[in-house]
């Protein structure tokens, strides 16, 4: 068996273990990565260790430490109480509220990752207080942030438009933004309707007790924590500082000024969720290095025809983006290939195919193997809830590769002609 095929098999086994086994999937993925190195000499132990996602780990560590500190010192709980008061105790308002906030922050310039880092922890706290599904809260945070991710002001939007220009598709920034935003809005609306139908309209209606319950006052340490969070958020949005490293600075400030205590802060970090995400990311990096990514995309690309190229490309890029970076790998890799693909197939609309790549690769980004899904999982305090959320987001992310393919096959050409 070739290293590429072996790595794909290892990835599929890890995904299967995440659904069926009680072992932390991150530990399983690291073990499979080591075994893969034994059967593929070019993936020796040093290569496996080097594949560990240090950047992602620092992002998760910084953000989870910061919000663990706010949880441990009581700030997050008090803020959640006030958010419940604003929502009047009605859980039905929360998903759309967090969608709107995440969308606005992302579209303003910093993109989806800082937006989710800012919104996911307080959204998880409010959802827990109102007994709202953690999955629905995470889904609306990630989809809201992703809906604004291809704004012309966003770094990812700039990447997409510049790569499209490289392929000769220019002057469509508005359509790029609108197509992606509408796709995320549509799937979110469907998810909300299903949740509302299954849970019952009255189940999450306004609770007078939740809306009027007495709230603990903010003390000086809570006010300092909020001030530090505001400065951190502005740094991520305005100065575009790395969210993880800047969060570590914020944690040091809180500890130094005794607004938080180190032992409870460290205990509050969801280490199991961090291990799940970084372990799987290590295995995914080895899949890419061994050629498994090229093998996978090549096999699927052979199925495309001029009539199905939009759906096929959305499906391929969606599945790849489930475990790979949308902005760092998928968009820069696939958007410049649009003219060549259409030339080989003998026809097609370059704008429609470009939009299909953008939408197909973005809809799946709630996967816990992506940074957005990882941040949502890490925002959940309870380890069992985090593990369940990991599985739910994995299923949703994989299913979005099919949904995105169908949407692009049906609507991409028509939307491109508008």
Protein backbone atom coordinates (compact mmCIF):
# COMPACT_ATOMS: atom_id res chain seq x y z
CA UNK A 1 0.00 0.00 0.00
CA UNK A 2 1.32 3.44 -0.91
CA UNK A 3 1.97 6.02 1.83
CA UNK A 4 -0.83 8.19 0.39
CA UNK A 5 -3.36 5.37 0.59
CA UNK A 6 -2.15 4.34 4.05
CA UNK A 7 -2.51 7.88 5.37
CA UNK A 8 -6.06 8.15 4.00
CA UNK A 9 -6.93 4.85 5.65
CA UNK A 10 -5.50 6.06 8.97
CA UNK A 11 -7.55 9.26 8.74
CA UNK A 12 -10.75 7.34 8.05
CA UNK A 13 -10.02 5.05 10.99
CA UNK A 14 -9.49 8.03 13.29
CA UNK A 15 -12.78 9.56 12.16
CA UNK A 16 -14.54 6.25 12.79
CA UNK A 17 -13.01 6.06 16.28
CA UNK A 18 -14.27 9.56 17.02
CA UNK A 19 -17.83 8.31 16.51
CA UNK A 20 -17.68 4.91 18.15
CA UNK A 21 -14.89 4.64 20.72
CA UNK A 22 -14.58 6.07 24.23
CA UNK A 23 -10.94 6.98 23.74
CA UNK A 24 -10.09 10.63 23.10
CA UNK A 25 -9.83 10.88 19.32
CA UNK A 26 -6.81 13.15 19.62
CA UNK A 27 -4.88 10.42 21.43
CA UNK A 28 -6.03 7.88 18.81
CA UNK A 29 -4.93 10.20 16.00
CA UNK A 30 -1.47 10.69 17.50
CA UNK A 31 -1.11 6.92 17.94
CA UNK A 32 -2.17 6.32 14.32
CA UNK A 33 0.28 9.01 13.19
CA UNK A 34 3.11 7.12 14.92
CA UNK A 35 1.99 3.79 13.41
CA UNK A 36 1.82 5.47 10.02
CA UNK A 37 5.42 6.52 10.49
CA UNK A 38 6.38 2.88 11.08
CA UNK A 39 4.89 1.70 7.77
CA UNK A 40 5.97 4.75 5.76
CA UNK A 41 9.72 5.36 6.25
CA UNK A 42 9.50 8.94 4.98
CA UNK A 43 7.16 9.72 7.89
CA UNK A 44 9.66 8.99 10.64
CA UNK A 45 9.09 10.07 14.23
CA UNK A 46 10.69 13.50 13.77
CA UNK A 47 8.33 14.22 10.88
CA UNK A 48 5.35 13.13 12.98
CA UNK A 49 6.44 15.43 15.82
CA UNK A 50 7.01 18.27 13.37
CA UNK A 51 3.47 17.87 12.05
CA UNK A 52 2.04 18.88 15.43
CA UNK A 53 0.08 22.12 14.80
CA UNK A 54 2.00 24.49 17.06
CA UNK A 55 0.20 27.57 15.72
CA UNK A 56 -3.24 26.06 16.29
CA UNK A 57 -2.21 24.85 19.74
CA UNK A 58 -1.06 28.34 20.73
CA UNK A 59 -4.34 29.80 19.45
CA UNK A 60 -6.41 27.30 21.41
CA UNK A 61 -4.21 27.57 24.49
CA UNK A 62 -4.34 31.36 24.60
CA UNK A 63 -8.07 31.69 23.97
CA UNK A 64 -9.09 28.86 26.30
CA UNK A 65 -6.78 30.10 29.07
CA UNK A 66 -8.18 33.61 28.79
CA UNK A 67 -11.80 32.52 28.94
CA UNK A 68 -10.99 29.91 31.57
CA UNK A 69 -9.75 32.80 33.68
CA UNK A 70 -12.97 34.74 33.07
CA UNK A 71 -14.95 31.63 33.99
CA UNK A 72 -12.92 30.88 37.10
CA UNK A 73 -13.11 34.43 38.49
CA UNK A 74 -16.85 34.68 37.84
CA UNK A 75 -16.78 37.32 35.10
CA UNK A 76 -18.17 35.10 32.37
CA UNK A 77 -21.04 33.94 34.59
CA UNK A 78 -22.03 37.49 35.46
CA UNK A 79 -21.81 38.55 31.81
CA UNK A 80 -23.98 35.57 30.84
CA UNK A 81 -26.58 36.62 33.43
CA UNK A 82 -26.82 40.02 31.78
CA UNK A 83 -27.00 38.52 28.31
CA UNK A 84 -29.91 36.36 29.47
CA UNK A 85 -31.58 39.51 30.77
CA UNK A 86 -31.13 41.19 27.36
CA UNK A 87 -32.61 38.11 25.64
CA UNK A 88 -35.49 38.22 28.17
CA UNK A 89 -34.83 34.58 29.01
CA UNK A 90 -35.85 33.50 25.50
CA UNK A 91 -33.46 30.92 24.04
CA UNK A 92 -35.05 31.37 20.62
CA UNK A 93 -33.35 34.76 20.26
CA UNK A 94 -29.84 33.59 21.13
CA UNK A 95 -28.86 31.77 17.88
CA UNK A 96 -29.69 34.73 15.64
CA UNK A 97 -28.10 37.20 18.05
CA UNK A 98 -24.77 35.35 18.09
CA UNK A 99 -24.99 34.86 14.30
CA UNK A 100 -25.37 38.61 13.80
CA UNK A 101 -22.55 39.53 16.18
CA UNK A 102 -20.14 36.96 14.71
CA UNK A 103 -21.04 38.08 11.18
CA UNK A 104 -20.49 41.77 11.93
CA UNK A 105 -17.12 41.21 13.61
CA UNK A 106 -15.89 38.89 10.84
CA UNK A 107 -17.05 41.08 7.95
CA UNK A 108 -15.48 44.19 9.47
CA UNK A 109 -12.01 42.89 8.66
CA UNK A 110 -10.50 40.33 11.05
CA UNK A 111 -12.25 37.34 9.49
CA UNK A 112 -13.84 34.25 10.97
CA UNK A 113 -11.15 32.99 13.35
CA UNK A 114 -10.90 36.10 15.59
CA UNK A 115 -14.68 36.46 15.40
CA UNK A 116 -15.28 32.92 16.69
CA UNK A 117 -12.58 33.34 19.33
CA UNK A 118 -14.41 36.40 20.64
CA UNK A 119 -18.01 35.16 20.39
CA UNK A 120 -17.91 31.40 21.06
CA UNK A 121 -17.09 31.40 24.82
CA UNK A 122 -19.80 33.89 25.90
CA UNK A 123 -22.27 32.23 23.50
CA UNK A 124 -21.55 28.85 25.10
CA UNK A 125 -22.08 30.33 28.57
CA UNK A 126 -25.42 31.90 27.61
CA UNK A 127 -26.53 28.68 25.89
CA UNK A 128 -25.74 26.67 29.02
CA UNK A 129 -27.65 29.08 31.22
CA UNK A 130 -30.73 28.94 28.98
CA UNK A 131 -30.37 25.19 28.33
CA UNK A 132 -29.95 25.81 24.63
CA UNK A 133 -28.33 23.10 22.52
CA UNK A 134 -24.53 23.63 22.59
CA UNK A 135 -24.45 22.35 19.02
CA UNK A 136 -26.94 24.96 17.80
CA UNK A 137 -25.07 27.76 19.59
CA UNK A 138 -21.72 26.63 18.13
CA UNK A 139 -23.25 26.23 14.67
CA UNK A 140 -24.64 29.76 14.64
CA UNK A 141 -21.40 31.28 15.93
CA UNK A 142 -19.30 29.50 13.28
CA UNK A 143 -21.78 30.05 10.44
CA UNK A 144 -22.21 33.71 11.34
CA UNK A 145 -18.47 34.27 11.35
CA UNK A 146 -18.06 32.33 8.11
CA UNK A 147 -20.89 34.28 6.48
CA UNK A 148 -18.79 37.43 6.85
CA UNK A 149 -15.48 35.74 6.07
CA UNK A 150 -15.41 36.62 2.35
CA UNK A 151 -16.15 40.30 2.87
CA UNK A 152 -13.94 42.49 0.64
CA UNK A 153 -12.50 43.88 3.89
CA UNK A 154 -11.60 40.47 5.30
CA UNK A 155 -8.16 38.90 4.85
CA UNK A 156 -9.80 35.70 3.54
CA UNK A 157 -11.98 37.71 1.15
CA UNK A 158 -8.85 39.40 -0.15
CA UNK A 159 -7.22 36.01 -0.67
CA UNK A 160 -10.25 34.68 -2.57
CA UNK A 161 -10.58 37.74 -4.81
CA UNK A 162 -6.85 37.93 -5.54
CA UNK A 163 -6.70 34.24 -6.51
CA UNK A 164 -9.78 34.66 -8.69
CA UNK A 165 -8.06 37.61 -10.37
CA UNK A 166 -5.06 35.37 -10.95
CA UNK A 167 -7.42 33.07 -12.85
CA UNK A 168 -8.82 36.00 -14.85
CA UNK A 169 -12.08 36.33 -12.88
CA UNK A 170 -12.12 39.95 -11.71
CA UNK A 171 -14.60 42.53 -10.49
CA UNK A 172 -16.97 40.24 -8.60
CA UNK A 173 -16.18 41.05 -4.96
CA UNK A 174 -19.85 41.71 -4.16
CA UNK A 175 -21.01 38.39 -5.60
CA UNK A 176 -18.24 36.52 -3.78
CA UNK A 177 -19.35 38.04 -0.48
CA UNK A 178 -23.09 37.64 -1.14
CA UNK A 179 -22.96 34.04 -2.37
CA UNK A 180 -21.03 32.88 0.68
CA UNK A 181 -23.17 34.88 3.13
CA UNK A 182 -26.46 33.68 1.63
CA UNK A 183 -25.33 30.04 1.66
CA UNK A 184 -24.48 30.20 5.36
CA UNK A 185 -27.67 32.07 6.16
CA UNK A 186 -29.73 29.43 4.33
CA UNK A 187 -28.23 26.39 6.06
CA UNK A 188 -28.48 28.16 9.42
CA UNK A 189 -32.16 28.94 8.83
CA UNK A 190 -32.83 25.28 7.99
CA UNK A 191 -30.99 24.13 11.12
CA UNK A 192 -32.95 26.61 13.23
CA UNK A 193 -36.27 25.49 11.75
CA UNK A 194 -35.47 21.83 12.43
CA UNK A 195 -34.39 22.61 16.01
CA UNK A 196 -37.51 24.72 16.59
CA UNK A 197 -39.75 21.96 15.24
CA UNK A 198 -38.09 19.15 17.17
CA UNK A 199 -37.88 20.99 20.48
CA UNK A 200 -41.33 22.55 20.32
CA UNK A 201 -42.14 26.24 20.09
CA UNK A 202 -42.91 26.58 23.79
CA UNK A 203 -39.92 24.64 25.08
CA UNK A 204 -37.51 27.56 24.75
CA UNK A 205 -39.92 30.46 25.06
CA UNK A 206 -39.17 33.33 27.38
CA UNK A 207 -38.79 32.31 30.99
CA UNK A 208 -39.89 35.10 33.36
CA UNK A 209 -37.67 33.66 36.09
CA UNK A 210 -34.63 33.69 33.80
CA UNK A 211 -35.35 37.23 32.67
CA UNK A 212 -35.84 38.83 36.07
CA UNK A 213 -33.54 36.83 38.32
CA UNK A 214 -31.28 38.92 40.52
CA UNK A 215 -27.80 39.45 39.18
CA UNK A 216 -24.56 39.52 41.14
CA UNK A 217 -22.77 42.85 40.91
CA UNK A 218 -19.49 43.30 39.09
CA UNK A 219 -16.52 43.65 41.44
CA UNK A 220 -13.23 45.37 40.64
CA UNK A 221 -11.64 42.13 39.35
CA UNK A 222 -14.59 41.57 37.03
CA UNK A 223 -14.37 45.10 35.67
CA UNK A 224 -10.65 44.70 35.09
CA UNK A 225 -11.29 41.39 33.31
CA UNK A 226 -13.86 43.02 31.04
CA UNK A 227 -11.45 45.86 30.27
CA UNK A 228 -8.72 43.37 29.37
CA UNK A 229 -11.15 41.46 27.13
CA UNK A 230 -12.13 44.67 25.34
CA UNK A 231 -8.49 45.60 24.75
CA UNK A 232 -7.74 42.06 23.54
CA UNK A 233 -10.72 42.14 21.19
CA UNK A 234 -9.77 45.52 19.78
CA UNK A 235 -6.23 44.30 19.27
CA UNK A 236 -7.50 41.31 17.28
CA UNK A 237 -9.97 43.35 15.22
CA UNK A 238 -8.19 46.67 14.66
CA UNK A 239 -4.52 45.75 14.88
CA UNK A 240 -5.06 42.16 13.69
CA UNK A 241 -2.87 40.75 16.43
CA UNK A 242 -2.65 36.94 16.67
CA UNK A 243 -5.59 35.98 18.87
CA UNK A 244 -3.78 33.18 20.70
CA UNK A 245 -0.54 34.95 21.59
CA UNK A 246 -2.29 38.20 22.49
CA UNK A 247 -4.68 36.20 24.70
CA UNK A 248 -1.68 34.80 26.59
CA UNK A 249 -0.57 38.37 27.28
CA UNK A 250 -4.07 39.16 28.54
CA UNK A 251 -3.95 36.13 30.87
CA UNK A 252 -0.61 37.27 32.31
CA UNK A 253 -2.08 40.72 32.98
CA UNK A 254 -5.06 39.20 34.83
CA UNK A 255 -2.82 36.95 36.92
CA UNK A 256 -0.32 39.73 37.66
CA UNK A 257 -3.05 42.07 38.92
CA UNK A 258 -4.73 39.24 40.87
CA UNK A 259 -7.94 39.45 38.87
CA UNK A 260 -7.61 35.68 38.38
CA UNK A 261 -5.89 32.79 40.18
CA UNK A 262 -3.62 30.38 38.34
CA UNK A 263 -4.73 26.96 39.74
CA UNK A 264 -8.49 27.32 39.00
CA UNK A 265 -7.69 28.90 35.64
CA UNK A 266 -5.55 25.95 34.59
CA UNK A 267 -8.17 23.49 35.84
CA UNK A 268 -10.87 25.24 33.81
CA UNK A 269 -9.05 24.81 30.48
CA UNK A 270 -10.74 22.08 28.37
CA UNK A 271 -7.56 20.09 27.85
CA UNK A 272 -9.44 17.12 26.41
CA UNK A 273 -10.91 19.26 23.63
CA UNK A 274 -7.53 20.83 22.88
CA UNK A 275 -6.00 17.35 22.63
CA UNK A 276 -8.79 16.13 20.34
CA UNK A 277 -8.26 18.95 17.87
CA UNK A 278 -4.45 19.08 17.85
CA UNK A 279 -4.11 15.30 17.64
CA UNK A 280 -6.40 15.06 14.63
CA UNK A 281 -4.67 18.04 13.02
CA UNK A 282 -1.33 16.25 13.35
CA UNK A 283 -2.67 13.23 11.50
CA UNK A 284 -4.25 15.44 8.82
CA UNK A 285 -0.92 17.19 8.24
CA UNK A 286 0.69 13.80 7.60
CA UNK A 287 -2.09 12.94 5.13
CA UNK A 288 -1.24 16.09 3.19
CA UNK A 289 2.51 15.47 3.38
CA UNK A 290 2.22 11.88 2.16
CA UNK A 291 0.15 12.79 -0.89
CA UNK A 292 -3.18 11.59 0.48
CA UNK A 293 -4.77 14.94 -0.29
CA UNK A 294 -3.74 14.79 -3.95
CA UNK A 295 -4.83 11.15 -4.21
CA UNK A 296 -8.23 11.98 -2.77
CA UNK A 297 -8.88 15.04 -4.93
CA UNK A 298 -7.61 13.31 -8.06
CA UNK A 299 -9.96 10.38 -7.62
CA UNK A 300 -12.96 12.66 -7.18
CA UNK A 301 -12.04 15.09 -9.97
CA UNK A 302 -12.27 12.26 -12.50
CA UNK A 303 -16.00 12.11 -11.88
CA UNK A 304 -16.65 15.68 -13.14
CA UNK A 305 -18.28 16.60 -16.45
CA UNK A 306 -19.10 20.07 -17.90
CA UNK A 307 -22.65 19.68 -16.58
CA UNK A 308 -21.61 18.68 -13.06
CA UNK A 309 -18.34 20.55 -12.60
CA UNK A 310 -19.76 23.13 -10.15
CA UNK A 311 -21.19 20.52 -7.82
CA UNK A 312 -18.20 18.20 -8.18
CA UNK A 313 -15.70 20.97 -7.42
CA UNK A 314 -17.73 22.15 -4.42
CA UNK A 315 -17.83 18.57 -3.14
CA UNK A 316 -14.09 18.00 -3.60
CA UNK A 317 -13.02 21.30 -2.06
CA UNK A 318 -15.57 20.86 0.72
CA UNK A 319 -14.27 17.46 1.76
CA UNK A 320 -10.67 18.65 1.59
CA UNK A 321 -11.51 21.78 3.58
CA UNK A 322 -13.09 19.62 6.29
CA UNK A 323 -9.60 18.81 7.49
CA UNK A 324 -7.47 21.37 5.66
CA UNK A 325 -7.17 25.15 5.80
CA UNK A 326 -9.69 26.93 3.59
CA UNK A 327 -7.76 30.18 3.31
CA UNK A 328 -4.27 28.67 3.48
CA UNK A 329 -4.68 25.60 1.27
CA UNK A 330 -7.98 25.19 -0.58
CA UNK A 331 -8.63 28.66 -1.98
CA UNK A 332 -5.01 29.37 -3.05
CA UNK A 333 -4.73 25.88 -4.55
CA UNK A 334 -8.01 25.51 -6.42
CA UNK A 335 -9.07 29.00 -7.53
CA UNK A 336 -6.12 29.48 -9.92
CA UNK A 337 -6.95 26.12 -11.57
CA UNK A 338 -10.37 27.29 -12.78
CA UNK A 339 -9.36 28.15 -16.40
CA UNK A 340 -7.41 24.92 -16.84
CA UNK A 341 -10.21 22.75 -15.43
CA UNK A 342 -12.81 24.31 -17.71
CA UNK A 343 -10.49 24.03 -20.70
CA UNK A 344 -10.01 20.30 -20.10
CA UNK A 345 -13.74 19.78 -19.66
CA UNK A 346 -14.63 21.81 -22.73
CA UNK A 347 -16.82 24.51 -21.20
CA UNK A 348 -18.27 26.15 -18.10
CA UNK A 349 -18.64 29.50 -16.35
CA UNK A 350 -15.42 30.61 -14.59
CA UNK A 351 -17.30 32.79 -12.10
CA UNK A 352 -19.77 30.03 -11.23
CA UNK A 353 -16.94 27.55 -10.69
CA UNK A 354 -15.03 30.06 -8.53
CA UNK A 355 -18.12 30.70 -6.42
CA UNK A 356 -18.56 26.94 -6.06
CA UNK A 357 -15.03 26.61 -4.70
CA UNK A 358 -15.61 29.47 -2.26
CA UNK A 359 -18.95 28.23 -0.98
CA UNK A 360 -18.15 24.51 -1.01
CA UNK A 361 -14.94 24.96 0.97
CA UNK A 362 -16.45 27.42 3.44
CA UNK A 363 -19.67 25.65 4.42
CA UNK A 364 -17.75 22.77 6.00
CA UNK A 365 -15.61 25.00 8.23
CA UNK A 366 -17.69 24.18 11.31
CA UNK A 367 -15.83 20.86 11.32
CA UNK A 368 -13.88 20.45 14.60
CA UNK A 369 -10.81 19.75 12.47
CA UNK A 370 -10.92 23.40 11.37
CA UNK A 371 -9.93 26.28 13.63
CA UNK A 372 -13.53 27.54 13.82
CA UNK A 373 -14.97 24.22 14.97
CA UNK A 374 -12.02 23.70 17.28
CA UNK A 375 -12.63 27.02 19.02
CA UNK A 376 -16.32 26.15 19.45
CA UNK A 377 -15.47 22.78 21.00
CA UNK A 378 -12.87 24.36 23.26
CA UNK A 379 -15.44 26.91 24.48
CA UNK A 380 -17.52 24.16 26.12
CA UNK A 381 -16.54 23.58 29.73
CA UNK A 382 -17.91 20.06 30.32
CA UNK A 383 -15.70 17.34 28.80
CA UNK A 384 -18.57 15.00 27.88
CA UNK A 385 -20.47 17.83 26.24
CA UNK A 386 -17.31 18.80 24.34
CA UNK A 387 -16.89 15.24 23.08
CA UNK A 388 -20.51 15.10 21.93
CA UNK A 389 -20.14 18.49 20.26
CA UNK A 390 -17.00 17.27 18.47
CA UNK A 391 -18.97 14.41 16.93
CA UNK A 392 -21.94 16.60 16.03
CA UNK A 393 -19.78 19.22 14.33
CA UNK A 394 -17.88 16.49 12.50
CA UNK A 395 -21.12 15.05 11.12
CA UNK A 396 -22.41 18.50 10.18
CA UNK A 397 -19.15 19.47 8.50
CA UNK A 398 -19.04 16.30 6.41
CA UNK A 399 -22.71 16.64 5.48
CA UNK A 400 -22.12 20.22 4.32
CA UNK A 401 -19.82 18.90 1.58
CA UNK A 402 -22.90 17.25 0.06
CA UNK A 403 -25.22 20.18 0.78
CA UNK A 404 -22.72 22.65 -0.67
CA UNK A 405 -22.32 20.51 -3.78
CA UNK A 406 -26.08 20.42 -4.34
CA UNK A 407 -26.45 24.16 -3.77
CA UNK A 408 -23.64 25.01 -6.17
CA UNK A 409 -24.86 22.57 -8.81
CA UNK A 410 -28.35 24.07 -8.70
CA UNK A 411 -27.65 27.77 -8.21
CA UNK A 412 -24.04 28.72 -9.05
CA UNK A 413 -24.61 29.36 -12.76
CA UNK A 414 -27.77 31.37 -12.16
CA UNK A 415 -26.18 33.43 -9.38
CA UNK A 416 -23.13 34.15 -11.56
CA UNK A 417 -25.39 35.55 -14.31
CA UNK A 418 -27.21 37.99 -11.98
